[in-house]
Every structure is written in C-alpha cells, then in structure tokens.
Amino acid sequence: MLLSILVAVANRPELRDELADQLTADGHDVHQAHHSRHAAALLAGRHIDVLILGALEHPAAAPALLRELRAGTLDPRAWPELPTITLAPLVSAGELDALRAYEAGSDHHLPAGAGYLHQRAVLEAVARRSRGATRRVHRVGAIEVDTAAREVRVAGTRVELSAMEFSLLTTLASDPRRVFTKDELLRDVWGFRAPGRTRPVDSHACRLRRKLSEHGAQAVVNVWGVGYRFSDVEPPRP
C-alpha cells in the first residue's frame, strides 16, 4: 500500500530527514514541512493520505494546526479526517504529551525514541483503518468533488457538470496518482463490458477538461496510449 505522506517536523530536522528517506525507500511519496504555514499549504494543495506531525516552530504550533485541521477551519481544501500520527518531542512528558496529542485529534501518538520499524507498523495500521472509511469529499489541489451533494468546485467556485462528466471526474479523483485505462473507465463509468469503444471516454474527458480549465484547473491529463489521470495543478492566483 503506497501512500502520499506529509512529514511535518521543525525541531528535529535529522529525524524528519531520516524518516522521509526511509519512507521514500519503501516507495511512498513523501512531502516535508518545516513549519505550520508550510504544512498548511501542503495539506491544502496536495493529495495527502497520512500526516506525521512532530513539534513545529513552538510547542503550541502542532496541536493548533491539528485542531484547525479537525475543525475544518485550516483551509476548505484540507481533509479534516486526514489520518494523523503525532510524534512525542525529544524530551517527553510521557502520558501528558499523549493526552494533549489525542485531545488535539491525533489518531496515534508515538513515544520519543520509537524506531522506524515501530513507526512503519503504526503508519500501515492507521492507513489500513482509514482506507475502509467512506470519503464523501475528494480534495485534490484546488478542486473539491463532493460525491454526496454531487457538486464540483474549483477554488471555491462551483462548476456545472453533466452526470457523466461528474462520474468521470469522481472516478479519476478517487485515486489521483493512478492512470485509469480507457477500458477501465468504460467499465466503471459507462458500464460497458466490451473493450475498444473509447470514443465516449475521449469526448467526455475533452468536455470535462475544457470546463475545468475555464477556472484555471488543468485537472484531466491524457496519458497517450493508456488513458487518463487526475492532476493536482493549482489554478493561477488572481
């Protein structure tokens, strides 16, 4: 199970770098943040599967960031239910640190000195538990796909899509790093079992790409000879 992981640690750069190197060696897509603003920007602008959160620029910064994330006030594009592992500071107050982390919204708190094998086991367990949860809102970059309300917004602006365009976008957004073949999309979106009828995929993808690009989001990428994937390219800032 390969993941997109954000490691946000400020006070122990050697721990952050070592953890990022180990996770990258295991095949994960790893982002690093050195302070709260950097972490908040990555949480809003990237598809993140798990947040690993250590101490940031001051003792209250990491708990505050996590509380804002859980409350949905950090950024409308950040996923409030994001699985989060917190790391105890080097000089730990033990149970009190763990209590504060869980009160802020941590899913699992790792004690100081936990080795990489322990960290990896916790990461896999947290990711496995969250994978079965229904994620009703997909947020990738500036694009938000609300499957319950059947709404799509780009940087907060609603985009009107047809039923098939919405289904195509929802499928692509469900796994932004994956390239969906045209035959897979025919099966999953249109319900066609026989391969080869790719014209509906191409025509709907073209219209979907045009509608999103009107709002500055280059979201639907044609992978020549294979199919389509979802991009997390941000729209230009006004």
Protein backbone atom coordinates (compact mmCIF):
# COMPACT_ATOMS: atom_id res chain seq x y z
CA MET A 1 0.00 0.00 0.00
CA LEU A 2 1.87 3.07 -1.28
CA LEU A 3 0.89 6.38 0.28
CA SER A 4 1.33 10.12 -0.07
CA ILE A 5 2.74 11.16 3.31
CA LEU A 6 3.39 14.59 4.83
CA VAL A 7 6.12 14.66 7.48
CA ALA A 8 5.87 17.95 9.39
CA VAL A 9 8.65 18.36 11.97
CA ALA A 10 10.61 21.53 12.78
CA ASN A 11 12.65 20.95 15.92
CA ARG A 12 14.36 17.72 14.82
CA PRO A 13 15.38 18.07 11.17
CA GLU A 14 17.58 14.98 11.38
CA LEU A 15 14.55 12.90 12.45
CA ARG A 16 12.42 14.43 9.69
CA ASP A 17 15.04 13.76 7.03
CA GLU A 18 15.75 10.21 8.20
CA LEU A 19 12.05 9.34 8.39
CA ALA A 20 11.43 10.84 4.94
CA ASP A 21 14.37 8.90 3.49
CA GLN A 22 13.14 5.61 4.95
CA LEU A 23 9.56 6.16 3.75
CA THR A 24 10.80 7.11 0.29
CA ALA A 25 12.95 3.96 0.19
CA ASP A 26 9.77 1.97 0.93
CA GLY A 27 8.19 3.51 -2.18
CA HIS A 28 5.98 6.19 -0.59
CA ASP A 29 5.52 9.71 -1.96
CA VAL A 30 6.87 11.91 0.84
CA HIS A 31 6.47 15.66 1.38
CA GLN A 32 8.26 17.57 4.14
CA ALA A 33 7.16 20.68 6.04
CA HIS A 34 9.36 22.75 8.33
CA HIS A 35 6.74 25.00 9.93
CA SER A 36 2.98 25.40 10.33
CA ARG A 37 2.38 27.60 7.28
CA HIS A 38 4.30 25.22 5.04
CA ALA A 39 2.36 22.24 6.42
CA ALA A 40 -0.98 24.03 5.97
CA ALA A 41 -0.14 24.88 2.35
CA LEU A 42 0.75 21.27 1.57
CA LEU A 43 -2.38 19.93 3.28
CA ALA A 44 -4.47 22.24 1.12
CA GLY A 45 -2.58 21.85 -2.12
CA ARG A 46 -1.61 18.18 -2.27
CA HIS A 47 -3.32 14.83 -2.03
CA ILE A 48 -2.12 13.52 1.36
CA ASP A 49 -3.01 10.09 2.75
CA VAL A 50 -1.32 10.35 6.17
CA LEU A 51 0.10 13.24 8.20
CA ILE A 52 3.07 12.54 10.51
CA LEU A 53 3.22 15.54 12.84
CA GLY A 54 6.03 16.41 15.24
CA ALA A 55 6.87 19.58 17.11
CA LEU A 56 6.81 22.69 14.93
CA GLU A 57 8.09 26.23 15.45
CA HIS A 58 6.81 26.49 19.05
CA PRO A 59 5.21 23.98 21.47
CA ALA A 60 1.62 25.02 20.71
CA ALA A 61 2.01 25.12 16.92
CA ALA A 62 1.50 21.43 16.08
CA PRO A 63 -1.59 20.94 18.32
CA ALA A 64 -3.07 24.17 16.94
CA LEU A 65 -2.52 23.02 13.36
CA LEU A 66 -4.17 19.68 14.09
CA ARG A 67 -7.15 21.28 15.85
CA GLU A 68 -7.72 23.58 12.88
CA LEU A 69 -7.50 20.65 10.50
CA ARG A 70 -10.04 18.63 12.50
CA ALA A 71 -12.38 21.61 12.84
CA GLY A 72 -12.30 22.27 9.09
CA THR A 73 -11.00 25.80 9.58
CA LEU A 74 -7.43 25.27 8.36
CA ASP A 75 -8.35 25.51 4.66
CA PRO A 76 -11.51 24.43 2.82
CA ARG A 77 -9.40 22.13 0.62
CA ALA A 78 -7.74 20.25 3.53
CA TRP A 79 -9.34 16.94 4.54
CA PRO A 80 -10.48 17.21 8.20
CA GLU A 81 -10.48 13.42 8.73
CA LEU A 82 -6.91 13.00 7.48
CA PRO A 83 -5.24 10.10 9.37
CA THR A 84 -2.61 11.66 11.63
CA ILE A 85 0.28 10.21 13.65
CA THR A 86 1.91 12.51 16.21
CA LEU A 87 5.50 12.22 17.43
CA ALA A 88 6.46 12.95 21.02
CA PRO A 89 9.15 15.62 21.49
CA LEU A 90 12.70 14.51 22.29
CA VAL A 91 12.20 15.47 25.92
CA SER A 92 8.79 13.97 26.56
CA ALA A 93 6.31 14.43 29.38
CA GLY A 94 5.02 10.92 28.67
CA GLU A 95 1.32 10.45 29.29
CA LEU A 96 0.68 14.20 29.31
CA ASP A 97 2.13 14.57 25.80
CA ALA A 98 0.00 11.68 24.58
CA LEU A 99 -3.13 13.12 26.21
CA ARG A 100 -2.60 16.51 24.58
CA ALA A 101 -2.00 14.90 21.20
CA TYR A 102 -5.16 12.80 21.36
CA GLU A 103 -7.20 15.80 22.56
CA ALA A 104 -5.97 17.74 19.53
CA GLY A 105 -7.13 14.96 17.20
CA SER A 106 -4.23 12.52 16.79
CA ASP A 107 -5.10 9.01 15.63
CA HIS A 108 -1.93 7.51 17.13
CA HIS A 109 0.81 9.05 19.30
CA LEU A 110 4.32 7.63 19.07
CA PRO A 111 6.64 7.94 22.09
CA ALA A 112 10.07 9.56 21.87
CA GLY A 113 12.68 7.13 20.62
CA ALA A 114 10.33 4.95 18.58
CA GLY A 115 12.33 3.33 15.79
CA TYR A 116 11.45 3.17 12.13
CA LEU A 117 10.02 -0.35 12.26
CA HIS A 118 7.63 0.79 15.01
CA GLN A 119 6.78 3.93 13.04
CA ARG A 120 6.14 1.95 9.87
CA ALA A 121 3.89 -0.56 11.65
CA VAL A 122 1.79 2.27 13.10
CA LEU A 123 1.64 4.02 9.72
CA GLU A 124 0.36 0.88 7.99
CA ALA A 125 -2.22 0.26 10.71
CA VAL A 126 -3.55 3.84 10.62
CA ALA A 127 -3.70 3.85 6.80
CA ARG A 128 -5.42 0.44 6.75
CA ARG A 129 -8.11 1.57 9.19
CA SER A 130 -8.82 4.75 7.26
CA ARG A 131 -8.91 3.08 3.85
CA GLY A 132 -12.27 1.47 4.60
CA ALA A 133 -13.89 4.78 5.55
CA THR A 134 -16.13 6.46 3.00
CA ARG A 135 -14.60 9.71 1.88
CA ARG A 136 -17.53 11.73 0.62
CA VAL A 137 -15.44 14.76 -0.40
CA HIS A 138 -12.33 14.40 -2.56
CA ARG A 139 -10.00 17.40 -2.39
CA VAL A 140 -7.04 17.49 -4.75
CA GLY A 141 -5.28 20.78 -5.24
CA ALA A 142 -7.91 23.49 -5.68
CA ILE A 143 -10.56 21.01 -6.85
CA GLU A 144 -13.21 19.71 -4.46
CA VAL A 145 -15.53 16.88 -5.51
CA ASP A 146 -18.47 16.36 -3.13
CA THR A 147 -19.94 12.97 -4.03
CA ALA A 148 -22.87 13.30 -1.61
CA ALA A 149 -24.00 16.72 -2.88
CA ARG A 150 -22.81 15.92 -6.44
CA GLU A 151 -21.01 19.25 -6.59
CA VAL A 152 -17.62 20.23 -8.00
CA ARG A 153 -15.82 23.42 -7.00
CA VAL A 154 -12.55 24.91 -8.17
CA ALA A 155 -11.01 27.31 -5.64
CA GLY A 156 -14.50 27.64 -4.14
CA THR A 157 -16.31 28.34 -7.42
CA ARG A 158 -18.97 25.81 -8.44
CA VAL A 159 -18.56 24.14 -11.84
CA GLU A 160 -21.62 22.72 -13.61
CA LEU A 161 -21.03 19.22 -14.99
CA SER A 162 -23.23 16.65 -16.70
CA ALA A 163 -23.90 13.36 -14.90
CA MET A 164 -21.31 11.50 -16.98
CA GLU A 165 -18.71 14.24 -16.60
CA PHE A 166 -19.24 14.17 -12.83
CA SER A 167 -18.91 10.37 -12.73
CA LEU A 168 -15.72 10.52 -14.79
CA LEU A 169 -14.21 13.19 -12.54
CA THR A 170 -15.21 11.30 -9.38
CA THR A 171 -13.53 8.15 -10.65
CA LEU A 172 -10.30 9.99 -11.53
CA ALA A 173 -10.29 11.94 -8.24
CA SER A 174 -10.76 8.76 -6.19
CA ASP A 175 -7.10 7.86 -6.84
CA PRO A 176 -5.28 10.94 -8.17
CA ARG A 177 -1.92 9.23 -8.72
CA ARG A 178 -3.32 6.38 -10.78
CA VAL A 179 -3.64 6.25 -14.55
CA PHE A 180 -7.05 4.78 -15.45
CA THR A 181 -7.11 2.96 -18.77
CA LYS A 182 -9.89 3.81 -21.18
CA ASP A 183 -11.28 0.28 -20.87
CA GLU A 184 -11.41 0.67 -17.07
CA LEU A 185 -13.29 3.95 -17.42
CA LEU A 186 -15.70 2.41 -19.93
CA ARG A 187 -16.43 -0.34 -17.43
CA ASP A 188 -16.59 1.75 -14.24
CA VAL A 189 -18.26 4.92 -15.57
CA TRP A 190 -20.29 3.78 -18.57
CA GLY A 191 -20.84 0.13 -17.62
CA PHE A 192 -19.52 -1.19 -20.94
CA ARG A 193 -18.06 -4.68 -20.63
CA ALA A 194 -16.67 -4.99 -24.16
CA PRO A 195 -13.35 -3.14 -24.61
CA GLY A 196 -12.48 -0.90 -27.51
CA ARG A 197 -15.31 1.69 -27.60
CA THR A 198 -13.15 4.56 -26.38
CA ARG A 199 -14.85 7.49 -28.13
CA PRO A 200 -17.25 8.22 -25.18
CA VAL A 201 -14.27 8.45 -22.83
CA ASP A 202 -12.34 10.83 -25.08
CA SER A 203 -15.30 13.12 -25.82
CA HIS A 204 -16.40 13.40 -22.17
CA ALA A 205 -12.81 13.88 -20.98
CA CYS A 206 -12.37 16.68 -23.51
CA ARG A 207 -15.52 18.49 -22.34
CA LEU A 208 -14.62 17.97 -18.67
CA ARG A 209 -11.10 19.30 -19.22
CA ARG A 210 -12.48 22.37 -21.03
CA LYS A 211 -14.97 23.20 -18.23
CA LEU A 212 -12.35 22.88 -15.51
CA SER A 213 -9.74 24.81 -17.48
CA GLU A 214 -12.14 27.76 -17.68
CA HIS A 215 -11.50 28.10 -13.94
CA GLY A 216 -7.74 27.60 -14.32
CA ALA A 217 -7.58 23.94 -13.26
CA GLN A 218 -5.66 21.63 -15.60
CA ALA A 219 -7.08 18.57 -13.92
CA VAL A 220 -7.68 15.86 -16.52
CA VAL A 221 -4.45 14.61 -18.08
CA ASN A 222 -4.40 12.43 -21.19
CA VAL A 223 -1.70 9.76 -20.86
CA TRP A 224 -1.18 8.92 -24.51
CA GLY A 225 -1.83 5.32 -25.45
CA VAL A 226 -3.09 4.44 -21.96
CA GLY A 227 -5.93 6.56 -20.58
CA TYR A 228 -6.44 9.43 -18.15
CA ARG A 229 -5.34 10.54 -14.72
CA PHE A 230 -6.17 13.36 -12.34
CA SER A 231 -3.74 16.23 -11.86
CA ASP A 232 -3.36 18.41 -8.76
CA VAL A 233 -2.22 21.52 -10.65
CA GLU A 234 -3.34 24.66 -8.85
CA PRO A 235 -5.19 27.42 -10.74
CA PRO A 236 -3.19 30.65 -11.07
CA ARG A 237 -3.55 33.12 -8.23
CA PRO A 238 -5.54 36.27 -9.11
